[in-house]
Each structure stands twice: as C-alpha cells, then as structure tokens.
C-alpha cells in the first residue's frame, strides 16, 4: 500500500513539496486542519516563515495534534522553517515562539541569513543515494543551522567549504528528517525519495 504524505499547508513552499513527493510516486495532500492530519501517514513541514507558521498552527488548532502524532512516531520531514519547527530547542526566536519538537537539536533561527547570507553549495548527505559521486546542490535562504545535537539525533549533512564550513545542516532522528536547505526548489528529488523510503519503512 502506498502511503499518503501530508504537507502542512498553512504557509510556505507547499506546492513545491507536493510536486516533489508526487514525482516520487506517493500521494501528497495539503494539511490545514486536524481531520486532514488524521488521514495522512507522514507530514512535511515546508520552508517559509517559522514564526508565522507557529502562530498559524495554533490558530488552526493543529499545534497539539501534530505534536501528539510526532510523539506517537509519525514520520516527518522539515526543510528550513520546517527544521526550526521540528527542533526541540530554538535560539534567536521571537518572544513566545514555540516549536513542535521531535528532533533532539538546538537550531539558530536565520543563522545563515544574518551571518553568511543566502547561498548555494554542494553537499554529501549520509544515506542519500549517490551523493558522494553526485552531491546535492543545496539552496539556503535565510536558513537556520544546528548549534547542538543531542544523543538521540544523528548528523547526516554538513557544509563542507566556504564561510559556513562545518555547520550542521541535515539531521535525522528515527523517522524524522530535517534540513536547513530547500531541496524542493532545485528539481533534485533525492531528499524526498529518502523521506518516502523512511515513511514506507515506518508504516
């Protein structure tokens, strides 16, 4: 049975994630309300504006339902703002900003945007097919980076060169994957393919 993957459709790069997931052969649907969340096997939290998405999650009564599904083991993938929302801890957030949690990391909001500016680079992502021979071209747009990784999480990608060399930009914890960059905007769907496989292995 093919899984159905939801894309949180409150704000951000929703269409791009839906298209990438459909390219990888799964059904992808927008999620705006708890009943739609109940109907999916996994959730993508897209790039966008993390503070706005946090407020909308609560306004649409989705914050606690998503947290409960994550605690129950729902697979999830977050890109950029999605990484911030799926992190257990945040630095540089606005007063009162909350996260959904799910990954034992501390992220710094807008780290690249303030300190290195938006940029592109090639990355090797552990577990991603052919990424050593054919690196992922990663696009960072006012992106966060990971300041600290707890024992439950595993680093799967770092910036390898330039001013941000060594910065952690991809982490996995069980069925949850997060990246600082936006694979949905490049046409390379290998990160989505990896997430689809995580979902298939979990459901």
Protein backbone atom coordinates (compact mmCIF):
# COMPACT_ATOMS: atom_id res chain seq x y z
CA UNK A 1 0.00 0.00 0.00
CA UNK A 2 1.37 3.41 -0.96
CA UNK A 3 1.48 5.91 1.89
CA UNK A 4 -0.23 9.29 1.87
CA UNK A 5 2.07 12.12 2.89
CA UNK A 6 0.68 15.42 4.08
CA UNK A 7 2.30 18.80 3.52
CA UNK A 8 1.50 21.40 6.16
CA UNK A 9 -0.33 23.93 4.00
CA UNK A 10 -0.53 27.00 6.23
CA UNK A 11 2.31 28.97 4.63
CA UNK A 12 5.49 28.35 2.65
CA UNK A 13 6.68 26.09 -0.18
CA UNK A 14 3.67 23.79 -0.20
CA UNK A 15 3.21 23.22 -3.94
CA UNK A 16 6.89 22.51 -4.48
CA UNK A 17 6.92 19.78 -1.82
CA UNK A 18 3.69 18.25 -3.15
CA UNK A 19 5.20 18.10 -6.65
CA UNK A 20 8.45 16.51 -5.40
CA UNK A 21 6.57 13.87 -3.41
CA UNK A 22 4.26 13.06 -6.32
CA UNK A 23 7.34 12.73 -8.54
CA UNK A 24 8.50 10.03 -6.12
CA UNK A 25 5.26 8.11 -6.58
CA UNK A 26 3.27 8.83 -3.43
CA UNK A 27 0.01 10.66 -2.84
CA UNK A 28 0.62 14.09 -1.35
CA UNK A 29 -2.10 16.29 0.15
CA UNK A 30 -2.26 19.63 1.90
CA UNK A 31 -2.96 19.60 5.64
CA UNK A 32 -4.75 22.59 7.18
CA UNK A 33 -6.97 21.01 9.83
CA UNK A 34 -6.83 18.15 12.33
CA UNK A 35 -9.14 15.91 10.27
CA UNK A 36 -6.72 16.16 7.33
CA UNK A 37 -3.80 15.35 9.62
CA UNK A 38 -5.64 12.23 10.78
CA UNK A 39 -5.79 11.00 7.17
CA UNK A 40 -2.04 11.04 6.43
CA UNK A 41 0.78 8.64 7.26
CA UNK A 42 3.51 11.30 7.48
CA UNK A 43 3.95 15.07 7.34
CA UNK A 44 6.24 17.51 5.58
CA UNK A 45 6.72 20.89 7.26
CA UNK A 46 7.84 23.21 4.45
CA UNK A 47 10.12 26.18 4.27
CA UNK A 48 8.53 29.54 4.96
CA UNK A 49 8.46 31.83 7.98
CA UNK A 50 8.74 29.85 11.20
CA UNK A 51 7.15 32.48 13.44
CA UNK A 52 4.13 32.84 11.13
CA UNK A 53 3.77 29.07 10.81
CA UNK A 54 3.91 28.70 14.60
CA UNK A 55 1.08 31.20 15.03
CA UNK A 56 -1.00 29.59 12.27
CA UNK A 57 -0.51 26.10 13.74
CA UNK A 58 -2.12 27.32 16.93
CA UNK A 59 -4.81 29.37 15.14
CA UNK A 60 -5.86 26.29 13.11
CA UNK A 61 -5.79 24.03 16.20
CA UNK A 62 -3.03 21.93 14.69
CA UNK A 63 -0.17 22.50 17.13
CA UNK A 64 -1.09 19.87 19.71
CA UNK A 65 -2.43 17.29 17.20
CA UNK A 66 0.85 17.44 15.27
CA UNK A 67 2.89 17.20 18.48
CA UNK A 68 0.86 14.16 19.53
CA UNK A 69 1.39 12.44 16.17
CA UNK A 70 5.13 13.13 16.34
CA UNK A 71 5.33 11.69 19.86
CA UNK A 72 3.48 8.62 18.57
CA UNK A 73 6.14 8.07 15.91
CA UNK A 74 4.73 9.77 12.79
CA UNK A 75 7.46 10.25 10.17
CA UNK A 76 8.12 13.91 9.36
CA UNK A 77 10.42 15.96 7.18
CA UNK A 78 11.14 19.66 7.69
CA UNK A 79 13.04 22.00 5.37
CA UNK A 80 14.38 25.36 6.59
CA UNK A 81 11.48 26.76 8.67
CA UNK A 82 10.34 23.15 8.99
CA UNK A 83 13.66 22.30 10.64
CA UNK A 84 13.06 25.07 13.18
CA UNK A 85 9.54 23.83 13.93
CA UNK A 86 10.65 20.21 14.34
CA UNK A 87 13.61 21.08 16.60
CA UNK A 88 13.28 20.57 20.35
CA UNK A 89 15.09 23.86 21.06
CA UNK A 90 15.45 27.20 19.26
CA UNK A 91 17.86 30.14 19.54
CA UNK A 92 17.02 33.55 18.07
CA UNK A 93 13.27 33.03 18.05
CA UNK A 94 10.81 35.80 18.84
CA UNK A 95 9.24 36.02 22.28
CA UNK A 96 6.71 33.25 22.78
CA UNK A 97 7.74 31.31 19.67
CA UNK A 98 7.12 27.58 20.08
CA UNK A 99 8.27 24.51 18.20
CA UNK A 100 6.58 21.19 17.56
CA UNK A 101 9.67 19.28 18.63
CA UNK A 102 10.63 15.80 17.55
CA UNK A 103 14.36 16.15 16.93
CA UNK A 104 16.90 16.47 19.76
CA UNK A 105 18.65 19.53 18.33
CA UNK A 106 19.11 23.22 19.06
CA UNK A 107 18.69 25.38 15.94
CA UNK A 108 19.65 29.01 15.44
CA UNK A 109 16.94 30.83 13.51
CA UNK A 110 18.11 32.88 10.48
CA UNK A 111 21.72 31.92 11.22
CA UNK A 112 22.82 31.94 7.58
CA UNK A 113 20.63 34.90 6.69
CA UNK A 114 22.29 37.16 9.20
CA UNK A 115 25.84 35.83 9.15
CA UNK A 116 26.58 34.27 5.78
CA UNK A 117 23.62 35.44 3.65
CA UNK A 118 21.62 33.18 1.38
CA UNK A 119 23.86 30.93 -0.67
CA UNK A 120 24.15 27.65 -2.57
CA UNK A 121 26.62 24.80 -2.13
CA UNK A 122 27.04 21.09 -2.86
CA UNK A 123 26.50 18.63 -0.01
CA UNK A 124 27.05 14.96 0.73
CA UNK A 125 24.07 13.62 2.70
CA UNK A 126 24.55 10.34 4.57
CA UNK A 127 22.02 7.76 3.44
CA UNK A 128 21.26 9.57 0.18
CA UNK A 129 21.95 7.58 -2.92
CA UNK A 130 24.95 8.70 -5.00
CA UNK A 131 25.51 11.90 -3.00
CA UNK A 132 29.26 11.26 -2.74
CA UNK A 133 29.68 10.99 -6.50
CA UNK A 134 26.80 13.36 -7.25
CA UNK A 135 26.41 15.84 -4.38
CA UNK A 136 23.13 17.53 -3.60
CA UNK A 137 23.03 21.13 -4.79
CA UNK A 138 21.61 22.83 -1.71
CA UNK A 139 19.90 26.22 -1.64
CA UNK A 140 19.98 28.12 1.66
CA UNK A 141 17.59 31.07 2.04
CA UNK A 142 17.90 32.93 5.38
CA UNK A 143 18.33 29.45 6.75
CA UNK A 144 18.87 28.09 10.26
CA UNK A 145 21.77 25.94 11.24
CA UNK A 146 22.08 23.36 14.01
CA UNK A 147 24.06 24.59 17.00
CA UNK A 148 23.81 21.43 19.11
CA UNK A 149 22.84 17.81 18.52
CA UNK A 150 21.61 15.69 21.40
CA UNK A 151 22.34 11.98 21.79
CA UNK A 152 19.07 10.88 20.21
CA UNK A 153 19.79 12.56 16.86
CA UNK A 154 22.35 11.88 14.11
CA UNK A 155 24.08 14.43 11.88
CA UNK A 156 23.70 13.44 8.21
CA UNK A 157 24.96 16.58 6.46
CA UNK A 158 27.39 19.47 6.97
CA UNK A 159 28.54 22.38 4.85
CA UNK A 160 31.95 21.35 3.54
CA UNK A 161 33.51 24.61 2.37
CA UNK A 162 33.27 28.39 2.47
CA UNK A 163 32.47 30.70 5.41
CA UNK A 164 29.98 28.20 6.87
CA UNK A 165 32.24 25.14 6.61
CA UNK A 166 31.47 22.58 9.31
CA UNK A 167 27.97 23.87 10.07
CA UNK A 168 25.39 21.12 10.58
CA UNK A 169 22.57 21.38 8.03
CA UNK A 170 20.90 17.95 7.99
CA UNK A 171 19.89 15.71 10.90
CA UNK A 172 17.85 12.55 11.32
CA UNK A 173 16.23 11.11 14.41
CA UNK A 174 14.35 7.87 13.76
CA UNK A 175 11.61 8.62 11.22
CA UNK A 176 12.13 12.40 11.37
CA UNK A 177 14.46 14.16 8.91
CA UNK A 178 15.30 17.88 8.87
CA UNK A 179 17.42 20.03 6.54
CA UNK A 180 18.41 23.70 6.65
CA UNK A 181 18.18 23.88 2.87
CA UNK A 182 15.31 23.74 0.36
CA UNK A 183 15.51 20.60 -1.84
CA UNK A 184 12.00 21.32 -3.10
CA UNK A 185 13.23 24.26 -5.22
CA UNK A 186 16.03 22.55 -7.19
CA UNK A 187 14.30 19.75 -9.08
CA UNK A 188 16.54 17.14 -7.36
CA UNK A 189 14.06 14.91 -5.52
CA UNK A 190 16.55 12.57 -3.83
CA UNK A 191 15.90 14.03 -0.35
CA UNK A 192 12.18 13.47 -0.88
CA UNK A 193 12.95 9.94 -2.15
CA UNK A 194 14.87 9.27 1.07
CA UNK A 195 11.94 10.56 3.13
CA UNK A 196 9.46 8.45 1.17
CA UNK A 197 11.59 5.39 1.95
CA UNK A 198 11.65 6.36 5.64
CA UNK A 199 7.84 6.57 5.53
CA UNK A 200 7.49 3.22 3.73
CA UNK A 201 9.77 1.60 6.32
CA UNK A 202 7.70 3.07 9.16
CA UNK A 203 4.09 2.41 8.16
